[in-house]
Amino acid sequence: MLAYAQAPAGPLPAGPAQPSAAPTAKPPDPALEVKPRTSILGAWKLNRDESDDPRQKMQSARGSGGGGNRGGGVRMGIPGMGGGPYGGRRGSGQNGENDQDRERMQALIAPANAITLAQREPKDPEVDLVEDQSRTTAFFTDGRKLEKSKDTTNAQVAAHWDGNRLVTDEKNPRGGKMSRAYELSYDGKQLYETVNFTMGRSNSPVTIRYVYDQKPASQTRDNGANAR
């Protein structure tokens, strides 16, 4: 009787292909996470899309009888936003404004691309505003007598707290009333800067609101270290 050798078993058939694992989503960078703030202090960057257009606001005021363009009236130019100079002539304008007045008015209402609000310690009467344009404004809330300075890059301004809002008490170069208010949005993720002043012979009121977003935490720490 012949014996036949059994052939070795062949390779097992391949099983069904397994789907490849989905790539793991990269967790968000904690430095870029926006968390609600409880105060106006910190570093902020301008949100130009959500901010008012100051030229449009001032044109509306002139159109309602504020300044008028008869006889070459006031024109306001905002740095970085186009437009003409504030006033027509150099030296003294038709409303008694000189170059320094015009420069100061531009500096007051022009939005900074980035700002940092800092306070040395809680309840300190001085709050410092440092802008990316190398301007520093010290807001004092204790009613002290302030020094008058011709330097538009380093100013002292009287202010007061209205709840969590910081509101200034100042005048424009022509002596009219003017104020700026800094306050948090309802969700604590944005800062609102509201500028109120009057213009023209009829003192028409103008209100301009600038919106600032939070800067990433890493940038906030860097800017905070440089703040006064």
C-alpha atoms as a PDB file:
ATOM      1  CA  MET A   1       0.000   0.000   0.000  1.00  0.00           C
ATOM      2  CA  LEU A   2       1.449   3.279  -0.999  1.00  0.00           C
ATOM      3  CA  ALA A   3       1.535   6.160   1.473  1.00  0.00           C
ATOM      4  CA  TYR A   4       1.174   9.651   0.193  1.00  0.00           C
ATOM      5  CA  ALA A   5       2.831  12.529   2.045  1.00  0.00           C
ATOM      6  CA  GLN A   6       0.447  15.340   3.025  1.00  0.00           C
ATOM      7  CA  ALA A   7       1.353  18.638   1.474  1.00  0.00           C
ATOM      8  CA  PRO A   8       2.139  21.379   3.977  1.00  0.00           C
ATOM      9  CA  ALA A   9      -0.675  23.770   4.669  1.00  0.00           C
ATOM     10  CA  GLY A  10      -0.608  26.889   2.515  1.00  0.00           C
ATOM     11  CA  PRO A  11      -0.914  30.452   3.757  1.00  0.00           C
ATOM     12  CA  LEU A  12      -4.198  31.370   5.339  1.00  0.00           C
ATOM     13  CA  PRO A  13      -6.421  33.664   3.290  1.00  0.00           C
ATOM     14  CA  ALA A  14      -6.114  37.312   4.203  1.00  0.00           C
ATOM     15  CA  GLY A  15      -8.920  38.735   6.343  1.00  0.00           C
ATOM     16  CA  PRO A  16     -10.984  41.725   5.334  1.00  0.00           C
ATOM     17  CA  ALA A  17      -9.060  44.991   5.199  1.00  0.00           C
ATOM     18  CA  GLN A  18      -9.393  47.025   8.373  1.00  0.00           C
ATOM     19  CA  PRO A  19     -10.215  50.691   7.969  1.00  0.00           C
ATOM     20  CA  SER A  20      -7.319  52.962   8.825  1.00  0.00           C
ATOM     21  CA  ALA A  21      -7.687  54.927  12.021  1.00  0.00           C
ATOM     22  CA  ALA A  22      -8.857  58.510  11.557  1.00  0.00           C
ATOM     23  CA  PRO A  23      -6.152  61.081  12.262  1.00  0.00           C
ATOM     24  CA  THR A  24      -6.401  62.498  15.747  1.00  0.00           C
ATOM     25  CA  ALA A  25      -7.527  66.111  15.761  1.00  0.00           C
ATOM     26  CA  LYS A  26      -4.930  68.491  17.087  1.00  0.00           C
ATOM     27  CA  PRO A  27      -6.089  70.069  20.330  1.00  0.00           C
ATOM     28  CA  PRO A  28      -6.485  73.841  20.205  1.00  0.00           C
ATOM     29  CA  ASP A  29      -3.561  75.922  21.323  1.00  0.00           C
ATOM     30  CA  PRO A  30      -4.388  77.021  24.899  1.00  0.00           C
ATOM     31  CA  ALA A  31      -2.523  80.275  24.245  1.00  0.00           C
ATOM     32  CA  LEU A  32      -5.102  81.170  21.563  1.00  0.00           C
ATOM     33  CA  GLU A  33      -8.155  80.254  23.622  1.00  0.00           C
ATOM     34  CA  VAL A  34     -10.396  83.217  24.374  1.00  0.00           C
ATOM     35  CA  LYS A  35     -11.609  83.229  27.965  1.00  0.00           C
ATOM     36  CA  PRO A  36     -13.963  85.798  29.456  1.00  0.00           C
ATOM     37  CA  ARG A  37     -12.267  88.554  31.394  1.00  0.00           C
ATOM     38  CA  THR A  38     -13.592  90.247  34.489  1.00  0.00           C
ATOM     39  CA  SER A  39     -11.867  93.606  34.003  1.00  0.00           C
ATOM     40  CA  ILE A  40     -10.722  95.895  31.218  1.00  0.00           C
ATOM     41  CA  LEU A  41      -7.078  95.302  32.116  1.00  0.00           C
ATOM     42  CA  GLY A  42      -4.887  93.389  29.700  1.00  0.00           C
ATOM     43  CA  ALA A  43      -3.807  93.492  26.072  1.00  0.00           C
ATOM     44  CA  TRP A  44      -6.271  94.069  23.236  1.00  0.00           C
ATOM     45  CA  LYS A  45      -6.121  94.305  19.444  1.00  0.00           C
ATOM     46  CA  LEU A  46      -8.395  96.407  17.238  1.00  0.00           C
ATOM     47  CA  ASN A  47     -11.253  94.659  15.435  1.00  0.00           C
ATOM     48  CA  ARG A  48     -11.606  97.050  12.522  1.00  0.00           C
ATOM     49  CA  ASP A  49     -14.568  95.202  10.993  1.00  0.00           C
ATOM     50  CA  GLU A  50     -16.727  95.665  14.095  1.00  0.00           C
ATOM     51  CA  SER A  51     -15.536  99.192  14.880  1.00  0.00           C
ATOM     52  CA  ASP A  52     -17.228 102.374  13.738  1.00  0.00           C
ATOM     53  CA  ASP A  53     -15.805 104.330  10.829  1.00  0.00           C
ATOM     54  CA  PRO A  54     -14.871 107.717  12.359  1.00  0.00           C
ATOM     55  CA  ARG A  55     -15.004 109.490   8.986  1.00  0.00           C
ATOM     56  CA  GLN A  56     -18.577 108.330   8.453  1.00  0.00           C
ATOM     57  CA  LYS A  57     -19.581 109.353  11.967  1.00  0.00           C
ATOM     58  CA  MET A  58     -18.151 112.832  11.539  1.00  0.00           C
ATOM     59  CA  GLN A  59     -19.675 113.253   8.099  1.00  0.00           C
ATOM     60  CA  SER A  60     -23.054 112.377   9.599  1.00  0.00           C
ATOM     61  CA  ALA A  61     -22.560 115.005  12.295  1.00  0.00           C
ATOM     62  CA  ARG A  62     -21.648 117.604   9.696  1.00  0.00           C
ATOM     63  CA  GLY A  63     -24.654 116.622   7.608  1.00  0.00           C
ATOM     64  CA  SER A  64     -26.936 117.195  10.594  1.00  0.00           C
ATOM     65  CA  GLY A  65     -25.625 120.742  10.960  1.00  0.00           C
ATOM     66  CA  GLY A  66     -22.537 120.035  13.046  1.00  0.00           C
ATOM     67  CA  GLY A  67     -19.691 121.535  11.084  1.00  0.00           C
ATOM     68  CA  GLY A  68     -20.743 122.010   7.501  1.00  0.00           C
ATOM     69  CA  ASN A  69     -18.387 122.274   4.573  1.00  0.00           C
ATOM     70  CA  ARG A  70     -19.280 125.781   3.574  1.00  0.00           C
ATOM     71  CA  GLY A  71     -16.253 127.895   3.043  1.00  0.00           C
ATOM     72  CA  GLY A  72     -13.872 124.949   3.428  1.00  0.00           C
ATOM     73  CA  GLY A  73     -15.058 123.611   6.787  1.00  0.00           C
ATOM     74  CA  VAL A  74     -13.396 121.053   9.019  1.00  0.00           C
ATOM     75  CA  ARG A  75     -12.136 117.809   7.537  1.00  0.00           C
ATOM     76  CA  MET A  76     -10.931 115.024   9.757  1.00  0.00           C
ATOM     77  CA  GLY A  77      -8.282 112.524   8.712  1.00  0.00           C
ATOM     78  CA  ILE A  78      -7.707 109.412  10.788  1.00  0.00           C
ATOM     79  CA  PRO A  79      -4.203 107.883  10.715  1.00  0.00           C
ATOM     80  CA  GLY A  80      -4.267 104.589   8.889  1.00  0.00           C
ATOM     81  CA  MET A  81      -7.813 105.139   7.635  1.00  0.00           C
ATOM     82  CA  GLY A  82      -7.343 107.681   4.870  1.00  0.00           C
ATOM     83  CA  GLY A  83      -9.031 111.051   4.574  1.00  0.00           C
ATOM     84  CA  GLY A  84      -7.688 114.557   4.658  1.00  0.00           C
ATOM     85  CA  PRO A  85      -6.033 116.504   7.443  1.00  0.00           C
ATOM     86  CA  TYR A  86      -7.945 117.910  10.371  1.00  0.00           C
ATOM     87  CA  GLY A  87      -8.549 121.469   9.245  1.00  0.00           C
ATOM     88  CA  GLY A  88      -7.506 123.082   5.994  1.00  0.00           C
ATOM     89  CA  ARG A  89      -4.743 125.541   6.779  1.00  0.00           C
ATOM     90  CA  ARG A  90      -1.542 125.127   8.689  1.00  0.00           C
ATOM     91  CA  GLY A  91      -1.065 127.344  11.675  1.00  0.00           C
ATOM     92  CA  SER A  92      -4.494 128.563  12.715  1.00  0.00           C
ATOM     93  CA  GLY A  93      -7.689 127.156  11.197  1.00  0.00           C
ATOM     94  CA  GLN A  94     -11.044 128.788  10.729  1.00  0.00           C
ATOM     95  CA  ASN A  95     -12.212 127.568  14.129  1.00  0.00           C
ATOM     96  CA  GLY A  96      -9.108 128.859  15.915  1.00  0.00           C
ATOM     97  CA  GLU A  97      -7.297 125.506  15.829  1.00  0.00           C
ATOM     98  CA  ASN A  98      -3.560 125.390  15.393  1.00  0.00           C
ATOM     99  CA  ASP A  99      -1.360 122.498  14.326  1.00  0.00           C
ATOM    100  CA  GLN A 100      -0.970 121.284  17.890  1.00  0.00           C
ATOM    101  CA  ASP A 101      -4.752 121.276  18.430  1.00  0.00           C
ATOM    102  CA  ARG A 102      -5.326 119.315  15.257  1.00  0.00           C
ATOM    103  CA  GLU A 103      -2.620 116.823  16.124  1.00  0.00           C
ATOM    104  CA  ARG A 104      -4.036 116.369  19.602  1.00  0.00           C
ATOM    105  CA  MET A 105      -7.566 115.858  18.282  1.00  0.00           C
ATOM    106  CA  GLN A 106      -6.356 113.258  15.797  1.00  0.00           C
ATOM    107  CA  ALA A 107      -4.452 111.470  18.548  1.00  0.00           C
ATOM    108  CA  LEU A 108      -7.487 111.496  20.805  1.00  0.00           C
ATOM    109  CA  ILE A 109      -9.965 109.907  18.425  1.00  0.00           C
ATOM    110  CA  ALA A 110      -7.702 107.779  16.213  1.00  0.00           C
ATOM    111  CA  PRO A 111      -7.911 104.071  17.131  1.00  0.00           C
ATOM    112  CA  ALA A 112      -4.747 102.225  18.042  1.00  0.00           C
ATOM    113  CA  ASN A 113      -4.146  98.847  16.424  1.00  0.00           C
ATOM    114  CA  ALA A 114      -3.264  97.419  19.836  1.00  0.00           C
ATOM    115  CA  ILE A 115      -3.550  98.677  23.410  1.00  0.00           C
ATOM    116  CA  THR A 116      -2.673  97.485  26.887  1.00  0.00           C
ATOM    117  CA  LEU A 117      -4.461  98.690  30.014  1.00  0.00           C
ATOM    118  CA  ALA A 118      -2.437  98.171  33.177  1.00  0.00           C
ATOM    119  CA  GLN A 119      -2.750  98.938  36.865  1.00  0.00           C
ATOM    120  CA  ARG A 120       0.073  98.515  39.377  1.00  0.00           C
ATOM    121  CA  GLU A 121      -2.214  97.059  42.030  1.00  0.00           C
ATOM    122  CA  PRO A 122      -5.964  96.752  42.680  1.00  0.00           C
ATOM    123  CA  LYS A 123      -7.663 100.065  43.492  1.00  0.00           C
ATOM    124  CA  ASP A 124      -4.586 102.013  42.416  1.00  0.00           C
ATOM    125  CA  PRO A 125      -5.830 105.449  41.260  1.00  0.00           C
ATOM    126  CA  GLU A 126      -3.630 105.276  38.137  1.00  0.00           C
ATOM    127  CA  VAL A 127      -4.549 103.185  35.104  1.00  0.00           C
ATOM    128  CA  ASP A 128      -2.068 103.286  32.239  1.00  0.00           C
ATOM    129  CA  LEU A 129      -3.032 102.948  28.598  1.00  0.00           C
ATOM    130  CA  VAL A 130      -0.096 101.956  26.374  1.00  0.00           C
ATOM    131  CA  GLU A 131      -0.664 102.003  22.612  1.00  0.00           C
ATOM    132  CA  ASP A 132       1.240 100.369  19.801  1.00  0.00           C
ATOM    133  CA  GLN A 133       1.956 103.847  18.423  1.00  0.00           C
ATOM    134  CA  SER A 134       4.227 104.537  21.436  1.00  0.00           C
ATOM    135  CA  ARG A 135       1.616 106.727  23.108  1.00  0.00           C
ATOM    136  CA  THR A 136       1.023 106.419  26.827  1.00  0.00           C
ATOM    137  CA  THR A 137      -1.924 107.889  28.701  1.00  0.00           C
ATOM    138  CA  ALA A 138      -2.153 107.822  32.483  1.00  0.00           C
ATOM    139  CA  PHE A 139      -5.742 107.934  33.749  1.00  0.00           C
ATOM    140  CA  PHE A 140      -6.051 109.210  37.342  1.00  0.00           C
ATOM    141  CA  THR A 141      -9.216 108.500  39.296  1.00  0.00           C
ATOM    142  CA  ASP A 142      -8.408 110.277  42.590  1.00  0.00           C
ATOM    143  CA  GLY A 143      -9.122 113.856  41.503  1.00  0.00           C
ATOM    144  CA  ARG A 144      -5.508 115.013  41.768  1.00  0.00           C
ATOM    145  CA  LYS A 145      -4.273 118.089  39.926  1.00  0.00           C
ATOM    146  CA  LEU A 146      -2.769 116.941  36.670  1.00  0.00           C
ATOM    147  CA  GLU A 147       0.245 118.249  34.841  1.00  0.00           C
ATOM    148  CA  LYS A 148      -0.371 119.906  31.502  1.00  0.00           C
ATOM    149  CA  SER A 149       1.924 118.563  28.831  1.00  0.00           C
ATOM    150  CA  LYS A 150       2.407 119.485  25.191  1.00  0.00           C
ATOM    151  CA  ASP A 151       3.723 115.998  24.511  1.00  0.00           C
ATOM    152  CA  THR A 152       0.913 114.110  22.740  1.00  0.00           C
ATOM    153  CA  THR A 153       2.713 110.802  23.297  1.00  0.00           C
ATOM    154  CA  ASN A 154       2.610 110.998  27.106  1.00  0.00           C
ATOM    155  CA  ALA A 155      -0.539 112.462  28.608  1.00  0.00           C
ATOM    156  CA  GLN A 156      -2.342 112.606  31.943  1.00  0.00           C
ATOM    157  CA  VAL A 157      -6.142 112.497  31.954  1.00  0.00           C
ATOM    158  CA  ALA A 158      -8.723 112.751  34.734  1.00  0.00           C
ATOM    159  CA  ALA A 159     -11.077 109.791  34.919  1.00  0.00           C
ATOM    160  CA  HIS A 160     -13.500 107.975  37.193  1.00  0.00           C
ATOM    161  CA  TRP A 161     -14.891 104.496  37.613  1.00  0.00           C
ATOM    162  CA  ASP A 162     -18.544 103.885  36.731  1.00  0.00           C
ATOM    163  CA  GLY A 163     -18.926 100.327  37.965  1.00  0.00           C
ATOM    164  CA  ASN A 164     -16.477  98.363  35.811  1.00  0.00           C
ATOM    165  CA  ARG A 165     -16.320 101.124  33.201  1.00  0.00           C
ATOM    166  CA  LEU A 166     -13.419 103.571  33.140  1.00  0.00           C
ATOM    167  CA  VAL A 167     -14.686 106.966  31.970  1.00  0.00           C
ATOM    168  CA  THR A 168     -12.514 110.002  31.266  1.00  0.00           C
ATOM    169  CA  ASP A 169     -13.360 113.624  32.052  1.00  0.00           C
ATOM    170  CA  GLU A 170     -11.608 115.784  29.480  1.00  0.00           C
ATOM    171  CA  LYS A 171     -12.032 118.468  26.854  1.00  0.00           C
ATOM    172  CA  ASN A 172     -11.212 118.602  23.186  1.00  0.00           C
ATOM    173  CA  PRO A 173      -8.682 121.157  21.885  1.00  0.00           C
ATOM    174  CA  ARG A 174     -11.430 123.749  21.426  1.00  0.00           C
ATOM    175  CA  GLY A 175     -12.578 123.382  25.019  1.00  0.00           C
ATOM    176  CA  GLY A 176     -15.689 121.333  24.252  1.00  0.00           C
ATOM    177  CA  LYS A 177     -16.730 118.349  26.297  1.00  0.00           C
ATOM    178  CA  MET A 178     -15.146 115.032  25.482  1.00  0.00           C
ATOM    179  CA  SER A 179     -14.995 111.638  27.137  1.00  0.00           C
ATOM    180  CA  ARG A 180     -13.770 108.139  26.499  1.00  0.00           C
ATOM    181  CA  ALA A 181     -15.226 105.052  28.139  1.00  0.00           C
ATOM    182  CA  TYR A 182     -13.570 101.642  28.361  1.00  0.00           C
ATOM    183  CA  GLU A 183     -15.792  98.684  29.198  1.00  0.00           C
ATOM    184  CA  LEU A 184     -16.051  94.937  28.673  1.00  0.00           C
ATOM    185  CA  SER A 185     -18.553  93.353  26.326  1.00  0.00           C
ATOM    186  CA  TYR A 186     -21.350  91.403  27.996  1.00  0.00           C
ATOM    187  CA  ASP A 187     -19.467  88.111  27.471  1.00  0.00           C
ATOM    188  CA  GLY A 188     -16.120  89.469  28.691  1.00  0.00           C
ATOM    189  CA  LYS A 189     -14.348  88.623  25.442  1.00  0.00           C
ATOM    190  CA  GLN A 190     -14.081  92.099  23.903  1.00  0.00           C
ATOM    191  CA  LEU A 191     -13.298  95.628  24.989  1.00  0.00           C
ATOM    192  CA  TYR A 192     -15.361  98.608  23.868  1.00  0.00           C
ATOM    193  CA  GLU A 193     -13.834 102.072  23.652  1.00  0.00           C
ATOM    194  CA  THR A 194     -16.542 104.708  23.202  1.00  0.00           C
ATOM    195  CA  VAL A 195     -15.460 108.237  22.292  1.00  0.00           C
ATOM    196  CA  ASN A 196     -17.943 111.104  22.810  1.00  0.00           C
ATOM    197  CA  PHE A 197     -17.288 114.703  21.783  1.00  0.00           C
ATOM    198  CA  THR A 198     -18.928 117.678  20.116  1.00  0.00           C
ATOM    199  CA  MET A 199     -17.952 119.367  16.884  1.00  0.00           C
ATOM    200  CA  GLY A 200     -18.899 122.371  14.799  1.00  0.00           C
ATOM    201  CA  ARG A 201     -20.360 125.683  15.822  1.00  0.00           C
ATOM    202  CA  SER A 202     -23.579 124.003  16.929  1.00  0.00           C
ATOM    203  CA  ASN A 203     -21.662 121.481  19.086  1.00  0.00           C
ATOM    204  CA  SER A 204     -23.270 118.478  17.416  1.00  0.00           C
ATOM    205  CA  PRO A 205     -22.617 115.316  19.444  1.00  0.00           C
ATOM    206  CA  VAL A 206     -20.466 112.583  17.911  1.00  0.00           C
ATOM    207  CA  THR A 207     -20.169 109.047  19.307  1.00  0.00           C
ATOM    208  CA  ILE A 208     -17.590 106.604  17.937  1.00  0.00           C
ATOM    209  CA  ARG A 209     -17.172 103.058  19.225  1.00  0.00           C
ATOM    210  CA  TYR A 210     -14.065 100.973  18.689  1.00  0.00           C
ATOM    211  CA  VAL A 211     -14.083  97.228  19.358  1.00  0.00           C
ATOM    212  CA  TYR A 212     -11.013  95.363  20.584  1.00  0.00           C
ATOM    213  CA  ASP A 213     -10.472  91.607  20.768  1.00  0.00           C
ATOM    214  CA  GLN A 214      -8.306  89.830  23.277  1.00  0.00           C
ATOM    215  CA  LYS A 215      -4.730  89.189  22.353  1.00  0.00           C
ATOM    216  CA  PRO A 216      -3.442  85.602  22.747  1.00  0.00           C
ATOM    217  CA  ALA A 217      -2.285  84.849  26.278  1.00  0.00           C
ATOM    218  CA  SER A 218       1.384  84.658  25.298  1.00  0.00           C
ATOM    219  CA  GLN A 219       1.257  88.120  23.724  1.00  0.00           C
ATOM    220  CA  THR A 220      -0.679  89.445  26.711  1.00  0.00           C
ATOM    221  CA  ARG A 221       2.081  88.319  29.047  1.00  0.00           C
ATOM    222  CA  ASP A 222       4.738  89.904  26.859  1.00  0.00           C
ATOM    223  CA  ASN A 223       2.928  93.242  26.619  1.00  0.00           C
ATOM    224  CA  GLY A 224       1.965  93.230  30.284  1.00  0.00           C
ATOM    225  CA  ALA A 225       5.608  92.887  31.241  1.00  0.00           C
ATOM    226  CA  ASN A 226       6.367  96.095  29.327  1.00  0.00           C
ATOM    227  CA  ALA A 227       3.456  98.094  30.733  1.00  0.00           C
ATOM    228  CA  ARG A 228       4.020 100.621  33.435  1.00  0.00           C
END
